[in-house]
């Protein structure tokens, strides 16, 4: 897509499950489950309901305890008490991040800039706040020795910024790829 073009996109598919099992009980946002997989700290994971009355519900995992023998998973949304029936199947998946979806900043095809607003911009819809979060590819250094990093509009590292499964995001192409 050429410069000055706006592209509306969504994450292409669910990432493979790292764990699955059955819900034992549920109270608001805490689900007692048959198995809790190992999850890498600092990366986003989602719990997806695979059957029952709430089939298709996907929520960010905000805390977890236990192991493959069972435990609890706390999700971002508060569900009605006892709405997820015992025996309901679930899967836990890593969610998309900027670096996972677009690749490492050093090799991606997203255009870079030396400051926010001067290059390609990625705007991600936060499903909780309903606000767009802005990310760009920062270029530092000199010609022949550039370094690249994913950054938020405020300048924080953004490799692990969540691109929620099934939610939309916008890419605004500012200039030719560099």
Protein backbone atom coordinates (compact mmCIF):
# COMPACT_ATOMS: atom_id res chain seq x y z
CA UNK A 1 0.00 0.00 0.00
CA UNK A 2 1.37 3.40 -0.97
CA UNK A 3 2.04 6.45 1.20
CA UNK A 4 -0.83 8.34 2.85
CA UNK A 5 -3.11 5.29 2.75
CA UNK A 6 -5.26 4.03 5.61
CA UNK A 7 -5.70 0.27 6.11
CA UNK A 8 -8.26 -1.28 8.45
CA UNK A 9 -7.27 -4.79 9.50
CA UNK A 10 -7.85 -7.41 12.20
CA UNK A 11 -5.70 -10.20 13.63
CA UNK A 12 -5.80 -13.01 11.06
CA UNK A 13 -6.52 -16.01 13.27
CA UNK A 14 -6.31 -17.44 16.77
CA UNK A 15 -2.85 -18.50 17.88
CA UNK A 16 -2.39 -22.16 18.86
CA UNK A 17 -3.58 -23.11 22.35
CA UNK A 18 -0.88 -23.63 24.98
CA UNK A 19 -3.37 -25.27 27.34
CA UNK A 20 -6.93 -26.47 27.46
CA UNK A 21 -9.28 -28.30 29.71
CA UNK A 22 -12.58 -27.93 31.51
CA UNK A 23 -13.92 -25.30 33.87
CA UNK A 24 -14.62 -26.67 37.36
CA UNK A 25 -16.38 -23.55 38.67
CA UNK A 26 -16.62 -19.82 38.04
CA UNK A 27 -17.21 -16.79 40.27
CA UNK A 28 -17.26 -13.45 38.46
CA UNK A 29 -13.88 -13.10 36.72
CA UNK A 30 -12.19 -16.11 38.41
CA UNK A 31 -12.46 -19.52 36.79
CA UNK A 32 -11.29 -22.68 38.55
CA UNK A 33 -9.94 -24.90 35.78
CA UNK A 34 -8.56 -28.38 35.27
CA UNK A 35 -5.18 -27.23 33.93
CA UNK A 36 -3.12 -24.01 33.89
CA UNK A 37 -0.29 -24.00 31.33
CA UNK A 38 3.05 -22.30 31.82
CA UNK A 39 2.73 -18.70 30.58
CA UNK A 40 5.65 -16.40 29.81
CA UNK A 41 5.62 -13.36 32.11
CA UNK A 42 5.05 -10.07 30.32
CA UNK A 43 3.22 -11.58 27.35
CA UNK A 44 -0.57 -11.45 26.95
CA UNK A 45 -2.69 -14.61 27.02
CA UNK A 46 -6.41 -15.05 26.45
CA UNK A 47 -8.90 -17.62 27.69
CA UNK A 48 -11.46 -18.70 25.09
CA UNK A 49 -14.68 -20.55 25.95
CA UNK A 50 -15.10 -23.42 23.47
CA UNK A 51 -18.64 -24.63 24.18
CA UNK A 52 -21.72 -24.03 26.33
CA UNK A 53 -23.81 -20.88 26.73
CA UNK A 54 -20.82 -18.54 26.47
CA UNK A 55 -19.12 -20.22 23.50
CA UNK A 56 -16.79 -17.79 21.74
CA UNK A 57 -16.14 -15.50 24.72
CA UNK A 58 -12.49 -14.44 24.67
CA UNK A 59 -10.96 -12.53 27.58
CA UNK A 60 -7.47 -11.42 28.57
CA UNK A 61 -5.88 -13.49 31.36
CA UNK A 62 -4.90 -11.04 34.12
CA UNK A 63 -3.69 -13.57 36.74
CA UNK A 64 -3.29 -17.30 37.18
CA UNK A 65 -2.27 -19.84 39.79
CA UNK A 66 -1.70 -23.56 39.60
CA UNK A 67 -0.27 -25.89 37.02
CA UNK A 68 -1.23 -28.75 34.72
CA UNK A 69 -3.04 -30.40 37.66
CA UNK A 70 -5.45 -27.48 38.02
CA UNK A 71 -5.74 -23.98 39.40
CA UNK A 72 -7.43 -20.65 38.78
CA UNK A 73 -7.43 -18.18 35.93
CA UNK A 74 -8.61 -14.60 36.40
CA UNK A 75 -9.87 -12.88 33.26
CA UNK A 76 -10.36 -9.22 32.42
CA UNK A 77 -14.16 -9.29 32.17
CA UNK A 78 -16.49 -9.92 35.07
CA UNK A 79 -18.97 -12.56 34.02
CA UNK A 80 -22.34 -13.14 35.72
CA UNK A 81 -21.93 -15.44 38.74
CA UNK A 82 -21.94 -19.14 37.77
CA UNK A 83 -22.57 -18.34 34.10
CA UNK A 84 -19.80 -20.64 32.89
CA UNK A 85 -21.08 -24.11 33.71
CA UNK A 86 -18.86 -26.77 35.24
CA UNK A 87 -17.53 -28.98 32.45
CA UNK A 88 -17.34 -26.17 29.88
CA UNK A 89 -14.29 -26.55 27.65
CA UNK A 90 -11.73 -23.73 27.38
CA UNK A 91 -8.43 -22.99 25.66
CA UNK A 92 -5.67 -20.62 26.75
CA UNK A 93 -3.78 -19.00 23.89
CA UNK A 94 -1.01 -16.44 23.60
CA UNK A 95 -2.53 -13.24 22.26
CA UNK A 96 -0.98 -11.27 19.44
CA UNK A 97 1.66 -8.65 20.19
CA UNK A 98 3.17 -6.00 17.93
CA UNK A 99 6.39 -8.03 17.53
CA UNK A 100 4.53 -11.31 16.91
CA UNK A 101 2.13 -9.85 14.34
CA UNK A 102 4.44 -7.49 12.46
CA UNK A 103 7.82 -9.06 13.21
CA UNK A 104 10.91 -7.69 14.92
CA UNK A 105 11.35 -3.93 14.48
CA UNK A 106 14.70 -4.52 12.73
CA UNK A 107 13.13 -6.48 9.84
CA UNK A 108 9.44 -5.53 9.55
CA UNK A 109 7.97 -3.84 6.48
CA UNK A 110 6.34 -1.09 8.57
CA UNK A 111 7.95 2.26 7.72
CA UNK A 112 10.13 3.83 10.40
CA UNK A 113 10.68 7.39 11.62
CA UNK A 114 12.82 9.29 14.10
CA UNK A 115 9.74 10.50 16.04
CA UNK A 116 6.08 9.61 16.45
CA UNK A 117 3.94 11.16 13.73
CA UNK A 118 6.65 11.21 11.07
CA UNK A 119 6.28 7.62 9.87
CA UNK A 120 3.84 4.75 9.63
CA UNK A 121 1.49 4.49 12.58
CA UNK A 122 -0.31 1.46 13.98
CA UNK A 123 -3.46 2.21 15.96
CA UNK A 124 -4.84 -0.64 18.06
CA UNK A 125 -8.36 -0.65 19.47
CA UNK A 126 -8.29 -1.42 23.21
CA UNK A 127 -11.52 -3.43 23.75
CA UNK A 128 -11.81 -2.35 27.40
CA UNK A 129 -11.22 1.41 27.10
CA UNK A 130 -12.57 1.64 23.53
CA UNK A 131 -9.62 3.96 22.79
CA UNK A 132 -6.97 3.69 20.10
CA UNK A 133 -3.43 3.01 21.30
CA UNK A 134 -0.69 4.26 18.97
CA UNK A 135 2.55 2.45 18.10
CA UNK A 136 5.32 3.25 15.64
CA UNK A 137 8.73 1.96 14.55
CA UNK A 138 11.49 4.21 15.87
CA UNK A 139 14.69 4.59 13.82
CA UNK A 140 17.86 5.79 15.55
CA UNK A 141 21.51 5.88 14.52
CA UNK A 142 23.06 6.90 11.23
CA UNK A 143 22.78 5.67 7.65
CA UNK A 144 24.25 2.21 7.38
CA UNK A 145 24.01 1.75 11.14
CA UNK A 146 20.32 2.26 11.93
CA UNK A 147 18.72 0.60 14.97
CA UNK A 148 14.98 0.04 15.15
CA UNK A 149 12.53 -0.51 18.00
CA UNK A 150 8.77 -0.65 18.47
CA UNK A 151 7.55 2.31 20.56
CA UNK A 152 4.29 3.66 21.93
CA UNK A 153 3.29 7.22 21.15
CA UNK A 154 4.69 8.14 24.60
CA UNK A 155 8.05 6.53 23.73
CA UNK A 156 7.85 3.32 25.81
CA UNK A 157 9.03 0.00 24.34
CA UNK A 158 6.11 -1.64 22.53
CA UNK A 159 7.25 -5.12 21.41
CA UNK A 160 4.75 -6.78 23.76
CA UNK A 161 1.86 -4.34 23.29
CA UNK A 162 -1.24 -6.47 22.85
CA UNK A 163 -3.10 -6.63 19.53
CA UNK A 164 -6.29 -8.29 20.81
CA UNK A 165 -7.44 -11.40 18.97
CA UNK A 166 -10.36 -10.55 16.72
CA UNK A 167 -10.15 -6.80 17.34
CA UNK A 168 -9.38 -4.28 14.66
CA UNK A 169 -6.32 -2.14 14.16
CA UNK A 170 -5.38 0.58 11.70
CA UNK A 171 -2.16 1.06 9.79
CA UNK A 172 -1.62 4.55 8.46
CA UNK A 173 1.14 4.44 5.85
CA UNK A 174 3.00 7.74 6.09
CA UNK A 175 5.94 7.29 3.76
CA UNK A 176 7.87 4.78 1.75
CA UNK A 177 9.38 1.91 3.74
CA UNK A 178 12.75 2.73 5.29
